[in-house]
Amino acid sequence: MKTMLVSFAVGLMVGVAYALLRVKSPAPPLVALVGLLGIVAGEHAIERFLAKKGSDAQVSSSQQAQTGATASVR
């Protein structure tokens, strides 16, 4: 989180310097930046979904192992 805040602060300072020097920013238009934000959000959503699905699979396989062990004892 600290890295993101430092990155934002530096970017803000560069933006102020560009405005004071009246230099046009080489950054892409706002529409492109919103698209990039969507890409990052989608990537994180899928990673969380897969991590949750993986942990569910581990729980169910351990439950099957326990019930299988109980069934074999009978």
C-alpha atoms as a PDB file:
ATOM      1  CA  MET A   1       0.000   0.000   0.000  1.00  0.00           C
ATOM      2  CA  LYS A   2       2.853   2.366   0.816  1.00  0.00           C
ATOM      3  CA  THR A   3       4.327   1.848  -2.661  1.00  0.00           C
ATOM      4  CA  MET A   4       1.019   2.804  -4.250  1.00  0.00           C
ATOM      5  CA  LEU A   5       0.767   5.985  -2.167  1.00  0.00           C
ATOM      6  CA  VAL A   6       4.328   7.005  -3.045  1.00  0.00           C
ATOM      7  CA  SER A   7       3.639   6.306  -6.713  1.00  0.00           C
ATOM      8  CA  PHE A   8       0.469   8.399  -6.579  1.00  0.00           C
ATOM      9  CA  ALA A   9       2.246  11.282  -4.815  1.00  0.00           C
ATOM     10  CA  VAL A  10       5.076  11.321  -7.360  1.00  0.00           C
ATOM     11  CA  GLY A  11       2.589  11.203 -10.207  1.00  0.00           C
ATOM     12  CA  LEU A  12       0.680  14.092  -8.665  1.00  0.00           C
ATOM     13  CA  MET A  13       3.865  16.152  -8.364  1.00  0.00           C
ATOM     14  CA  VAL A  14       4.758  15.455 -12.004  1.00  0.00           C
ATOM     15  CA  GLY A  15       1.238  16.472 -13.009  1.00  0.00           C
ATOM     16  CA  VAL A  16       1.607  19.769 -11.150  1.00  0.00           C
ATOM     17  CA  ALA A  17       4.995  20.366 -12.792  1.00  0.00           C
ATOM     18  CA  TYR A  18       3.493  19.669 -16.245  1.00  0.00           C
ATOM     19  CA  ALA A  19       0.668  22.133 -15.527  1.00  0.00           C
ATOM     20  CA  LEU A  20       3.081  24.841 -14.341  1.00  0.00           C
ATOM     21  CA  LEU A  21       5.280  24.374 -17.418  1.00  0.00           C
ATOM     22  CA  ARG A  22       2.170  24.165 -19.642  1.00  0.00           C
ATOM     23  CA  VAL A  23       3.372  20.897 -21.137  1.00  0.00           C
ATOM     24  CA  LYS A  24       0.796  18.474 -22.472  1.00  0.00           C
ATOM     25  CA  SER A  25       0.916  15.191 -20.583  1.00  0.00           C
ATOM     26  CA  PRO A  26       1.922  12.127 -22.615  1.00  0.00           C
ATOM     27  CA  ALA A  27      -0.573  10.051 -20.622  1.00  0.00           C
ATOM     28  CA  PRO A  28      -3.365   8.238 -22.478  1.00  0.00           C
ATOM     29  CA  PRO A  29      -6.871   9.699 -22.388  1.00  0.00           C
ATOM     30  CA  LEU A  30      -9.114   9.082 -19.414  1.00  0.00           C
ATOM     31  CA  VAL A  31     -11.118   6.452 -21.310  1.00  0.00           C
ATOM     32  CA  ALA A  32      -7.990   4.321 -21.743  1.00  0.00           C
ATOM     33  CA  LEU A  33      -7.101   4.661 -18.073  1.00  0.00           C
ATOM     34  CA  VAL A  34     -10.583   3.540 -17.043  1.00  0.00           C
ATOM     35  CA  GLY A  35     -10.185   0.547 -19.349  1.00  0.00           C
ATOM     36  CA  LEU A  36      -6.896  -0.340 -17.671  1.00  0.00           C
ATOM     37  CA  LEU A  37      -8.582  -0.068 -14.284  1.00  0.00           C
ATOM     38  CA  GLY A  38     -11.223  -2.524 -15.491  1.00  0.00           C
ATOM     39  CA  ILE A  39      -8.546  -4.948 -16.645  1.00  0.00           C
ATOM     40  CA  VAL A  40      -6.801  -4.851 -13.269  1.00  0.00           C
ATOM     41  CA  ALA A  41     -10.098  -5.223 -11.373  1.00  0.00           C
ATOM     42  CA  GLY A  42     -11.102  -8.203 -13.519  1.00  0.00           C
ATOM     43  CA  GLU A  43      -7.727  -9.848 -13.024  1.00  0.00           C
ATOM     44  CA  HIS A  44      -7.967  -9.513  -9.238  1.00  0.00           C
ATOM     45  CA  ALA A  45     -11.564 -10.765  -9.208  1.00  0.00           C
ATOM     46  CA  ILE A  46     -10.616 -13.918 -11.128  1.00  0.00           C
ATOM     47  CA  GLU A  47      -7.599 -14.539  -8.879  1.00  0.00           C
ATOM     48  CA  ARG A  48      -9.789 -14.274  -5.771  1.00  0.00           C
ATOM     49  CA  PHE A  49     -12.450 -16.512  -7.328  1.00  0.00           C
ATOM     50  CA  LEU A  50      -9.888 -19.167  -8.234  1.00  0.00           C
ATOM     51  CA  ALA A  51      -8.242 -18.947  -4.810  1.00  0.00           C
ATOM     52  CA  LYS A  52     -11.627 -19.409  -3.129  1.00  0.00           C
ATOM     53  CA  LYS A  53     -12.526 -22.266  -5.455  1.00  0.00           C
ATOM     54  CA  GLY A  54      -9.164 -23.917  -4.761  1.00  0.00           C
ATOM     55  CA  SER A  55      -9.619 -23.667  -1.000  1.00  0.00           C
ATOM     56  CA  ASP A  56     -13.139 -25.138  -1.329  1.00  0.00           C
ATOM     57  CA  ALA A  57     -11.705 -28.068  -3.299  1.00  0.00           C
ATOM     58  CA  GLN A  58      -9.088 -28.662  -0.621  1.00  0.00           C
ATOM     59  CA  VAL A  59     -11.746 -28.692   2.099  1.00  0.00           C
ATOM     60  CA  SER A  60     -13.985 -31.106   0.201  1.00  0.00           C
ATOM     61  CA  SER A  61     -11.091 -33.446  -0.602  1.00  0.00           C
ATOM     62  CA  SER A  62     -10.049 -33.514   3.047  1.00  0.00           C
ATOM     63  CA  GLN A  63     -13.649 -34.222   4.030  1.00  0.00           C
ATOM     64  CA  GLN A  64     -13.769 -37.074   1.506  1.00  0.00           C
ATOM     65  CA  ALA A  65     -10.535 -38.463   2.897  1.00  0.00           C
ATOM     66  CA  GLN A  66     -12.002 -38.407   6.421  1.00  0.00           C
ATOM     67  CA  THR A  67     -15.273 -40.054   5.379  1.00  0.00           C
ATOM     68  CA  GLY A  68     -13.366 -42.580   3.288  1.00  0.00           C
ATOM     69  CA  ALA A  69     -11.216 -43.486   6.260  1.00  0.00           C
ATOM     70  CA  THR A  70     -14.311 -43.859   8.426  1.00  0.00           C
ATOM     71  CA  ALA A  71     -16.037 -46.022   5.812  1.00  0.00           C
ATOM     72  CA  SER A  72     -13.025 -48.323   5.535  1.00  0.00           C
ATOM     73  CA  VAL A  73     -12.921 -48.843   9.311  1.00  0.00           C
ATOM     74  CA  ARG A  74     -16.511 -50.119   9.371  1.00  0.00           C
END
